[in-house]
Amino acid sequence: QYRSIDLSIVSIADQMGLHPASVSRIFKEGTGSPLLEYIAKVRIAEAKKIMQEPGMTMDIVALAVGYSNVRTFRRIFTKLEGVTPGKYMDLL
């Protein structure tokens, strides 16, 4: 469900019938990675695949991977990849 704009620790916890703090703790203990960081990595990996398709815009890519706005997508992409999404697309 990483593509859902409404995806959050709270929504995951609600689906599991657990407290959000418990979900975060259990996930980090099991994987060694914070849940939101993991979700961001999955979304950005998928975004990089989508960006290879012709005619993709930042708006389309951001929405396709669960970000409601390009600004957030751009910030997280740059943080994880060390380059802006636009520069990344230029390199393709």
PDB file of N, CA and C in Angstrom:
ATOM      1  N   GLN A   1       0.808  -1.205   0.000  1.00  0.00           N
ATOM      2  CA  GLN A   1       0.000   0.000   0.000  1.00  0.00           C
ATOM      3  C   GLN A   1       0.845   1.260   0.000  1.00  0.00           C
ATOM      4  N   TYR A   2       2.099   1.151  -0.357  1.00  0.00           N
ATOM      5  CA  TYR A   2       2.986   2.309  -0.343  1.00  0.00           C
ATOM      6  C   TYR A   2       2.496   3.420  -1.265  1.00  0.00           C
ATOM      7  N   ARG A   3       1.672   3.094  -2.219  1.00  0.00           N
ATOM      8  CA  ARG A   3       1.165   4.093  -3.167  1.00  0.00           C
ATOM      9  C   ARG A   3       0.046   4.951  -2.592  1.00  0.00           C
ATOM     10  N   SER A   4      -0.468   4.571  -1.454  1.00  0.00           N
ATOM     11  CA  SER A   4      -1.564   5.315  -0.834  1.00  0.00           C
ATOM     12  C   SER A   4      -1.053   6.616  -0.226  1.00  0.00           C
ATOM     13  N   ILE A   5      -1.672   7.705  -0.595  1.00  0.00           N
ATOM     14  CA  ILE A   5      -1.320   9.007  -0.035  1.00  0.00           C
ATOM     15  C   ILE A   5      -1.606   9.038   1.465  1.00  0.00           C
ATOM     16  N   ASP A   6      -2.574   8.258   1.901  1.00  0.00           N
ATOM     17  CA  ASP A   6      -2.972   8.240   3.303  1.00  0.00           C
ATOM     18  C   ASP A   6      -2.152   7.269   4.158  1.00  0.00           C
ATOM     19  N   LEU A   7      -1.136   6.649   3.594  1.00  0.00           N
ATOM     20  CA  LEU A   7      -0.326   5.697   4.343  1.00  0.00           C
ATOM     21  C   LEU A   7       0.453   6.407   5.445  1.00  0.00           C
ATOM     22  N   SER A   8       0.308   5.906   6.650  1.00  0.00           N
ATOM     23  CA  SER A   8       1.008   6.472   7.801  1.00  0.00           C
ATOM     24  C   SER A   8       1.156   5.378   8.845  1.00  0.00           C
ATOM     25  N   ILE A   9       1.934   5.661   9.857  1.00  0.00           N
ATOM     26  CA  ILE A   9       2.074   4.697  10.950  1.00  0.00           C
ATOM     27  C   ILE A   9       0.720   4.486  11.615  1.00  0.00           C
ATOM     28  N   VAL A  10      -0.054   5.537  11.746  1.00  0.00           N
ATOM     29  CA  VAL A  10      -1.380   5.434  12.371  1.00  0.00           C
ATOM     30  C   VAL A  10      -2.296   4.535  11.539  1.00  0.00           C
ATOM     31  N   SER A  11      -2.292   4.714  10.211  1.00  0.00           N
ATOM     32  CA  SER A  11      -3.174   3.887   9.381  1.00  0.00           C
ATOM     33  C   SER A  11      -2.752   2.421   9.416  1.00  0.00           C
ATOM     34  N   ILE A  12      -1.452   2.172   9.446  1.00  0.00           N
ATOM     35  CA  ILE A  12      -0.955   0.794   9.543  1.00  0.00           C
ATOM     36  C   ILE A  12      -1.342   0.201  10.891  1.00  0.00           C
ATOM     37  N   ALA A  13      -1.152   0.976  11.950  1.00  0.00           N
ATOM     38  CA  ALA A  13      -1.494   0.515  13.300  1.00  0.00           C
ATOM     39  C   ALA A  13      -2.984   0.200  13.405  1.00  0.00           C
ATOM     40  N   ASP A  14      -3.821   1.051  12.816  1.00  0.00           N
ATOM     41  CA  ASP A  14      -5.271   0.811  12.833  1.00  0.00           C
ATOM     42  C   ASP A  14      -5.611  -0.513  12.154  1.00  0.00           C
ATOM     43  N   GLN A  15      -4.977  -0.792  11.026  1.00  0.00           N
ATOM     44  CA  GLN A  15      -5.236  -2.037  10.301  1.00  0.00           C
ATOM     45  C   GLN A  15      -4.807  -3.258  11.104  1.00  0.00           C
ATOM     46  N   MET A  16      -3.767  -3.074  11.927  1.00  0.00           N
ATOM     47  CA  MET A  16      -3.237  -4.187  12.712  1.00  0.00           C
ATOM     48  C   MET A  16      -3.855  -4.271  14.106  1.00  0.00           C
ATOM     49  N   GLY A  17      -4.609  -3.252  14.491  1.00  0.00           N
ATOM     50  CA  GLY A  17      -5.204  -3.232  15.815  1.00  0.00           C
ATOM     51  C   GLY A  17      -4.174  -2.989  16.917  1.00  0.00           C
ATOM     52  N   LEU A  18      -3.123  -2.243  16.588  1.00  0.00           N
ATOM     53  CA  LEU A  18      -2.060  -1.948  17.537  1.00  0.00           C
ATOM     54  C   LEU A  18      -1.899  -0.444  17.698  1.00  0.00           C
ATOM     55  N   HIS A  19      -1.183  -0.059  18.733  1.00  0.00           N
ATOM     56  CA  HIS A  19      -0.853   1.343  18.945  1.00  0.00           C
ATOM     57  C   HIS A  19       0.264   1.724  17.970  1.00  0.00           C
ATOM     58  N   PRO A  20       0.226   2.948  17.413  1.00  0.00           N
ATOM     59  CA  PRO A  20       1.268   3.361  16.466  1.00  0.00           C
ATOM     60  C   PRO A  20       2.693   3.207  17.010  1.00  0.00           C
ATOM     61  N   ALA A  21       2.894   3.512  18.271  1.00  0.00           N
ATOM     62  CA  ALA A  21       4.240   3.374  18.855  1.00  0.00           C
ATOM     63  C   ALA A  21       4.680   1.913  18.856  1.00  0.00           C
ATOM     64  N   SER A  22       3.748   1.013  19.077  1.00  0.00           N
ATOM     65  CA  SER A  22       4.074  -0.422  19.060  1.00  0.00           C
ATOM     66  C   SER A  22       4.468  -0.873  17.666  1.00  0.00           C
ATOM     67  N   VAL A  23       3.732  -0.408  16.674  1.00  0.00           N
ATOM     68  CA  VAL A  23       4.044  -0.763  15.293  1.00  0.00           C
ATOM     69  C   VAL A  23       5.445  -0.269  14.929  1.00  0.00           C
ATOM     70  N   SER A  24       5.746   0.962  15.284  1.00  0.00           N
ATOM     71  CA  SER A  24       7.072   1.522  14.996  1.00  0.00           C
ATOM     72  C   SER A  24       8.171   0.716  15.670  1.00  0.00           C
ATOM     73  N   ARG A  25       7.965   0.402  16.925  1.00  0.00           N
ATOM     74  CA  ARG A  25       8.976  -0.339  17.692  1.00  0.00           C
ATOM     75  C   ARG A  25       9.179  -1.736  17.129  1.00  0.00           C
ATOM     76  N   ILE A  26       8.090  -2.442  16.868  1.00  0.00           N
ATOM     77  CA  ILE A  26       8.166  -3.804  16.348  1.00  0.00           C
ATOM     78  C   ILE A  26       8.866  -3.807  14.983  1.00  0.00           C
ATOM     79  N   PHE A  27       8.514  -2.851  14.127  1.00  0.00           N
ATOM     80  CA  PHE A  27       9.129  -2.800  12.799  1.00  0.00           C
ATOM     81  C   PHE A  27      10.625  -2.538  12.905  1.00  0.00           C
ATOM     82  N   LYS A  28      10.998  -1.571  13.723  1.00  0.00           N
ATOM     83  CA  LYS A  28      12.420  -1.238  13.851  1.00  0.00           C
ATOM     84  C   LYS A  28      13.204  -2.390  14.470  1.00  0.00           C
ATOM     85  N   GLU A  29      12.617  -3.063  15.447  1.00  0.00           N
ATOM     86  CA  GLU A  29      13.295  -4.216  16.048  1.00  0.00           C
ATOM     87  C   GLU A  29      13.484  -5.333  15.030  1.00  0.00           C
ATOM     88  N   GLY A  30      12.504  -5.511  14.159  1.00  0.00           N
ATOM     89  CA  GLY A  30      12.562  -6.594  13.176  1.00  0.00           C
ATOM     90  C   GLY A  30      13.435  -6.313  11.976  1.00  0.00           C
ATOM     91  N   THR A  31      13.534  -5.040  11.612  1.00  0.00           N
ATOM     92  CA  THR A  31      14.262  -4.704  10.382  1.00  0.00           C
ATOM     93  C   THR A  31      15.507  -3.846  10.613  1.00  0.00           C
ATOM     94  N   GLY A  32      15.541  -3.182  11.748  1.00  0.00           N
ATOM     95  CA  GLY A  32      16.644  -2.270  12.022  1.00  0.00           C
ATOM     96  C   GLY A  32      16.452  -0.900  11.392  1.00  0.00           C
ATOM     97  N   SER A  33      15.336  -0.712  10.714  1.00  0.00           N
ATOM     98  CA  SER A  33      15.054   0.545  10.017  1.00  0.00           C
ATOM     99  C   SER A  33      13.733   1.128  10.517  1.00  0.00           C
ATOM    100  N   PRO A  34      13.667   2.451  10.688  1.00  0.00           N
ATOM    101  CA  PRO A  34      12.383   3.066  11.042  1.00  0.00           C
ATOM    102  C   PRO A  34      11.358   2.851   9.921  1.00  0.00           C
ATOM    103  N   LEU A  35      10.112   2.660  10.294  1.00  0.00           N
ATOM    104  CA  LEU A  35       9.054   2.358   9.332  1.00  0.00           C
ATOM    105  C   LEU A  35       8.908   3.436   8.260  1.00  0.00           C
ATOM    106  N   LEU A  36       8.858   4.699   8.652  1.00  0.00           N
ATOM    107  CA  LEU A  36       8.676   5.760   7.656  1.00  0.00           C
ATOM    108  C   LEU A  36       9.866   5.858   6.708  1.00  0.00           C
ATOM    109  N   GLU A  37      11.052   5.589   7.203  1.00  0.00           N
ATOM    110  CA  GLU A  37      12.238   5.587   6.345  1.00  0.00           C
ATOM    111  C   GLU A  37      12.140   4.445   5.328  1.00  0.00           C
ATOM    112  N   TYR A  38      11.685   3.291   5.771  1.00  0.00           N
ATOM    113  CA  TYR A  38      11.521   2.145   4.877  1.00  0.00           C
ATOM    114  C   TYR A  38      10.503   2.461   3.777  1.00  0.00           C
ATOM    115  N   ILE A  39       9.376   3.046   4.176  1.00  0.00           N
ATOM    116  CA  ILE A  39       8.342   3.398   3.202  1.00  0.00           C
ATOM    117  C   ILE A  39       8.910   4.386   2.178  1.00  0.00           C
ATOM    118  N   ALA A  40       9.649   5.381   2.651  1.00  0.00           N
ATOM    119  CA  ALA A  40      10.248   6.367   1.747  1.00  0.00           C
ATOM    120  C   ALA A  40      11.198   5.697   0.759  1.00  0.00           C
ATOM    121  N   LYS A  41      12.008   4.759   1.229  1.00  0.00           N
ATOM    122  CA  LYS A  41      12.946   4.065   0.347  1.00  0.00           C
ATOM    123  C   LYS A  41      12.216   3.250  -0.711  1.00  0.00           C
ATOM    124  N   VAL A  42      11.138   2.586  -0.322  1.00  0.00           N
ATOM    125  CA  VAL A  42      10.342   1.810  -1.281  1.00  0.00           C
ATOM    126  C   VAL A  42       9.722   2.746  -2.317  1.00  0.00           C
ATOM    127  N   ARG A  43       9.171   3.860  -1.859  1.00  0.00           N
ATOM    128  CA  ARG A  43       8.547   4.813  -2.778  1.00  0.00           C
ATOM    129  C   ARG A  43       9.557   5.398  -3.765  1.00  0.00           C
ATOM    130  N   ILE A  44      10.734   5.762  -3.281  1.00  0.00           N
ATOM    131  CA  ILE A  44      11.731   6.367  -4.161  1.00  0.00           C
ATOM    132  C   ILE A  44      12.284   5.344  -5.153  1.00  0.00           C
ATOM    133  N   ALA A  45      12.464   4.110  -4.722  1.00  0.00           N
ATOM    134  CA  ALA A  45      12.914   3.060  -5.644  1.00  0.00           C
ATOM    135  C   ALA A  45      11.900   2.881  -6.769  1.00  0.00           C
ATOM    136  N   GLU A  46      10.631   2.898  -6.435  1.00  0.00           N
ATOM    137  CA  GLU A  46       9.586   2.770  -7.452  1.00  0.00           C
ATOM    138  C   GLU A  46       9.544   4.015  -8.336  1.00  0.00           C
ATOM    139  N   ALA A  47       9.734   5.179  -7.740  1.00  0.00           N
ATOM    140  CA  ALA A  47       9.739   6.422  -8.513  1.00  0.00           C
ATOM    141  C   ALA A  47      10.835   6.398  -9.569  1.00  0.00           C
ATOM    142  N   LYS A  48      11.989   5.881  -9.213  1.00  0.00           N
ATOM    143  CA  LYS A  48      13.102   5.807 -10.163  1.00  0.00           C
ATOM    144  C   LYS A  48      12.742   4.925 -11.353  1.00  0.00           C
ATOM    145  N   LYS A  49      11.979   3.874 -11.124  1.00  0.00           N
ATOM    146  CA  LYS A  49      11.531   3.022 -12.237  1.00  0.00           C
ATOM    147  C   LYS A  49      10.543   3.776 -13.127  1.00  0.00           C
ATOM    148  N   ILE A  50       9.592   4.463 -12.488  1.00  0.00           N
ATOM    149  CA  ILE A  50       8.563   5.188 -13.241  1.00  0.00           C
ATOM    150  C   ILE A  50       9.179   6.313 -14.061  1.00  0.00           C
ATOM    151  N   MET A  51      10.202   6.954 -13.518  1.00  0.00           N
ATOM    152  CA  MET A  51      10.851   8.080 -14.209  1.00  0.00           C
ATOM    153  C   MET A  51      11.477   7.657 -15.538  1.00  0.00           C
ATOM    154  N   GLN A  52      11.736   6.393 -15.711  1.00  0.00           N
ATOM    155  CA  GLN A  52      12.350   5.906 -16.947  1.00  0.00           C
ATOM    156  C   GLN A  52      11.349   5.822 -18.095  1.00  0.00           C
ATOM    157  N   GLU A  53      10.065   5.906 -17.762  1.00  0.00           N
ATOM    158  CA  GLU A  53       9.031   5.851 -18.786  1.00  0.00           C
ATOM    159  C   GLU A  53       8.920   7.218 -19.470  1.00  0.00           C
ATOM    160  N   PRO A  54       8.705   7.229 -20.763  1.00  0.00           N
ATOM    161  CA  PRO A  54       8.610   8.507 -21.477  1.00  0.00           C
ATOM    162  C   PRO A  54       7.395   9.328 -21.039  1.00  0.00           C
ATOM    163  N   GLY A  55       7.568  10.637 -21.019  1.00  0.00           N
ATOM    164  CA  GLY A  55       6.459  11.542 -20.742  1.00  0.00           C
ATOM    165  C   GLY A  55       6.089  11.712 -19.281  1.00  0.00           C
ATOM    166  N   MET A  56       6.910  11.196 -18.396  1.00  0.00           N
ATOM    167  CA  MET A  56       6.595  11.315 -16.969  1.00  0.00           C
ATOM    168  C   MET A  56       6.935  12.712 -16.455  1.00  0.00           C
ATOM    169  N   THR A  57       6.033  13.272 -15.670  1.00  0.00           N
ATOM    170  CA  THR A  57       6.283  14.556 -15.009  1.00  0.00           C
ATOM    171  C   THR A  57       6.462  14.294 -13.517  1.00  0.00           C
ATOM    172  N   MET A  58       7.008  15.257 -12.822  1.00  0.00           N
ATOM    173  CA  MET A  58       7.197  15.100 -11.374  1.00  0.00           C
ATOM    174  C   MET A  58       5.859  14.914 -10.671  1.00  0.00           C
ATOM    175  N   ASP A  59       4.822  15.619 -11.127  1.00  0.00           N
ATOM    176  CA  ASP A  59       3.489  15.475 -10.521  1.00  0.00           C
ATOM    177  C   ASP A  59       2.988  14.041 -10.641  1.00  0.00           C
ATOM    178  N   ILE A  60       3.121  13.485 -11.819  1.00  0.00           N
ATOM    179  CA  ILE A  60       2.654  12.117 -12.060  1.00  0.00           C
ATOM    180  C   ILE A  60       3.443  11.127 -11.208  1.00  0.00           C
ATOM    181  N   VAL A  61       4.744  11.272 -11.190  1.00  0.00           N
ATOM    182  CA  VAL A  61       5.592  10.352 -10.426  1.00  0.00           C
ATOM    183  C   VAL A  61       5.281  10.456  -8.939  1.00  0.00           C
ATOM    184  N   ALA A  62       5.196  11.669  -8.425  1.00  0.00           N
ATOM    185  CA  ALA A  62       4.923  11.866  -6.998  1.00  0.00           C
ATOM    186  C   ALA A  62       3.610  11.198  -6.590  1.00  0.00           C
ATOM    187  N   LEU A  63       2.560  11.434  -7.351  1.00  0.00           N
ATOM    188  CA  LEU A  63       1.261  10.825  -7.035  1.00  0.00           C
ATOM    189  C   LEU A  63       1.291   9.312  -7.181  1.00  0.00           C
ATOM    190  N   ALA A  64       2.007   8.821  -8.169  1.00  0.00           N
ATOM    191  CA  ALA A  64       2.065   7.375  -8.426  1.00  0.00           C
ATOM    192  C   ALA A  64       2.701   6.603  -7.283  1.00  0.00           C
ATOM    193  N   VAL A  65       3.581   7.261  -6.535  1.00  0.00           N
ATOM    194  CA  VAL A  65       4.263   6.556  -5.443  1.00  0.00           C
ATOM    195  C   VAL A  65       3.785   6.983  -4.057  1.00  0.00           C
ATOM    196  N   GLY A  66       2.690   7.745  -4.001  1.00  0.00           N
ATOM    197  CA  GLY A  66       2.065   8.022  -2.714  1.00  0.00           C
ATOM    198  C   GLY A  66       2.334   9.376  -2.088  1.00  0.00           C
ATOM    199  N   TYR A  67       2.939  10.297  -2.833  1.00  0.00           N
ATOM    200  CA  TYR A  67       3.158  11.642  -2.297  1.00  0.00           C
ATOM    201  C   TYR A  67       2.082  12.572  -2.831  1.00  0.00           C
ATOM    202  N   SER A  68       1.469  13.334  -1.941  1.00  0.00           N
ATOM    203  CA  SER A  68       0.368  14.210  -2.354  1.00  0.00           C
ATOM    204  C   SER A  68       0.852  15.482  -3.034  1.00  0.00           C
ATOM    205  N   ASN A  69       2.150  15.793  -2.870  1.00  0.00           N
ATOM    206  CA  ASN A  69       2.664  16.978  -3.541  1.00  0.00           C
ATOM    207  C   ASN A  69       4.120  16.777  -3.969  1.00  0.00           C
ATOM    208  N   VAL A  70       4.492  17.514  -4.990  1.00  0.00           N
ATOM    209  CA  VAL A  70       5.823  17.386  -5.569  1.00  0.00           C
ATOM    210  C   VAL A  70       6.891  17.881  -4.595  1.00  0.00           C
ATOM    211  N   ARG A  71       6.575  18.870  -3.825  1.00  0.00           N
ATOM    212  CA  ARG A  71       7.556  19.440  -2.894  1.00  0.00           C
ATOM    213  C   ARG A  71       8.084  18.383  -1.918  1.00  0.00           C
ATOM    214  N   THR A  72       7.183  17.624  -1.327  1.00  0.00           N
ATOM    215  CA  THR A  72       7.588  16.562  -0.404  1.00  0.00           C
ATOM    216  C   THR A  72       8.365  15.487  -1.147  1.00  0.00           C
ATOM    217  N   PHE A  73       7.875  15.091  -2.304  1.00  0.00           N
ATOM    218  CA  PHE A  73       8.563  14.087  -3.112  1.00  0.00           C
ATOM    219  C   PHE A  73       9.983  14.541  -3.432  1.00  0.00           C
ATOM    220  N   ARG A  74      10.119  15.777  -3.875  1.00  0.00           N
ATOM    221  CA  ARG A  74      11.426  16.320  -4.246  1.00  0.00           C
ATOM    222  C   ARG A  74      12.384  16.318  -3.049  1.00  0.00           C
ATOM    223  N   ARG A  75      11.875  16.735  -1.890  1.00  0.00           N
ATOM    224  CA  ARG A  75      12.700  16.799  -0.680  1.00  0.00           C
ATOM    225  C   ARG A  75      13.194  15.416  -0.274  1.00  0.00           C
ATOM    226  N   ILE A  76      12.305  14.435  -0.260  1.00  0.00           N
ATOM    227  CA  ILE A  76      12.679  13.083   0.162  1.00  0.00           C
ATOM    228  C   ILE A  76      13.573  12.414  -0.878  1.00  0.00           C
ATOM    229  N   PHE A  77      13.264  12.595  -2.156  1.00  0.00           N
ATOM    230  CA  PHE A  77      14.099  12.024  -3.217  1.00  0.00           C
ATOM    231  C   PHE A  77      15.532  12.548  -3.094  1.00  0.00           C
ATOM    232  N   THR A  78      15.658  13.852  -2.935  1.00  0.00           N
ATOM    233  CA  THR A  78      16.981  14.474  -2.841  1.00  0.00           C
ATOM    234  C   THR A  78      17.728  13.986  -1.608  1.00  0.00           C
ATOM    235  N   LYS A  79      17.033  13.858  -0.503  1.00  0.00           N
ATOM    236  CA  LYS A  79      17.654  13.366   0.734  1.00  0.00           C
ATOM    237  C   LYS A  79      18.206  11.952   0.559  1.00  0.00           C
ATOM    238  N   LEU A  80      17.426  11.088  -0.073  1.00  0.00           N
ATOM    239  CA  LEU A  80      17.828   9.691  -0.212  1.00  0.00           C
ATOM    240  C   LEU A  80      18.805   9.449  -1.363  1.00  0.00           C
ATOM    241  N   GLU A  81      18.674  10.207  -2.437  1.00  0.00           N
ATOM    242  CA  GLU A  81      19.479   9.950  -3.637  1.00  0.00           C
ATOM    243  C   GLU A  81      20.649  10.916  -3.804  1.00  0.00           C
ATOM    244  N   GLY A  82      20.635  12.026  -3.073  1.00  0.00           N
ATOM    245  CA  GLY A  82      21.726  12.985  -3.179  1.00  0.00           C
ATOM    246  C   GLY A  82      21.679  13.844  -4.427  1.00  0.00           C
ATOM    247  N   VAL A  83      20.577  13.771  -5.153  1.00  0.00           N
ATOM    248  CA  VAL A  83      20.375  14.552  -6.369  1.00  0.00           C
ATOM    249  C   VAL A  83      18.874  14.807  -6.495  1.00  0.00           C
ATOM    250  N   THR A  84      18.514  15.931  -7.094  1.00  0.00           N
ATOM    251  CA  THR A  84      17.092  16.227  -7.267  1.00  0.00           C
ATOM    252  C   THR A  84      16.477  15.263  -8.281  1.00  0.00           C
ATOM    253  N   PRO A  85      15.167  15.071  -8.219  1.00  0.00           N
ATOM    254  CA  PRO A  85      14.525  14.197  -9.220  1.00  0.00           C
ATOM    255  C   PRO A  85      14.733  14.701 -10.644  1.00  0.00           C
ATOM    256  N   GLY A  86      14.715  16.026 -10.823  1.00  0.00           N
ATOM    257  CA  GLY A  86      14.945  16.585 -12.151  1.00  0.00           C
ATOM    258  C   GLY A  86      16.318  16.251 -12.697  1.00  0.00           C
ATOM    259  N   LYS A  87      17.338  16.395 -11.851  1.00  0.00           N
ATOM    260  CA  LYS A  87      18.696  16.047 -12.278  1.00  0.00           C
ATOM    261  C   LYS A  87      18.793  14.559 -12.574  1.00  0.00           C
ATOM    262  N   TYR A  88      18.131  13.752 -11.747  1.00  0.00           N
ATOM    263  CA  TYR A  88      18.136  12.297 -11.954  1.00  0.00           C
ATOM    264  C   TYR A  88      17.547  11.976 -13.325  1.00  0.00           C
ATOM    265  N   MET A  89      16.424  12.607 -13.654  1.00  0.00           N
ATOM    266  CA  MET A  89      15.776  12.342 -14.944  1.00  0.00           C
ATOM    267  C   MET A  89      16.658  12.801 -16.099  1.00  0.00           C
ATOM    268  N   ASP A  90      17.397  13.894 -15.904  1.00  0.00           N
ATOM    269  CA  ASP A  90      18.307  14.373 -16.947  1.00  0.00           C
ATOM    270  C   ASP A  90      19.412  13.359 -17.241  1.00  0.00           C
ATOM    271  N   LEU A  91      19.779  12.583 -16.220  1.00  0.00           N
ATOM    272  CA  LEU A  91      20.855  11.599 -16.372  1.00  0.00           C
ATOM    273  C   LEU A  91      20.403  10.311 -17.055  1.00  0.00           C
ATOM    274  N   LEU A  92      19.093  10.139 -17.173  1.00  0.00           N
ATOM    275  CA  LEU A  92      18.572   8.905 -17.789  1.00  0.00           C
ATOM    276  C   LEU A  92      18.779   8.907 -19.283  1.00  0.00           C
TER     277      LEU A  92
END
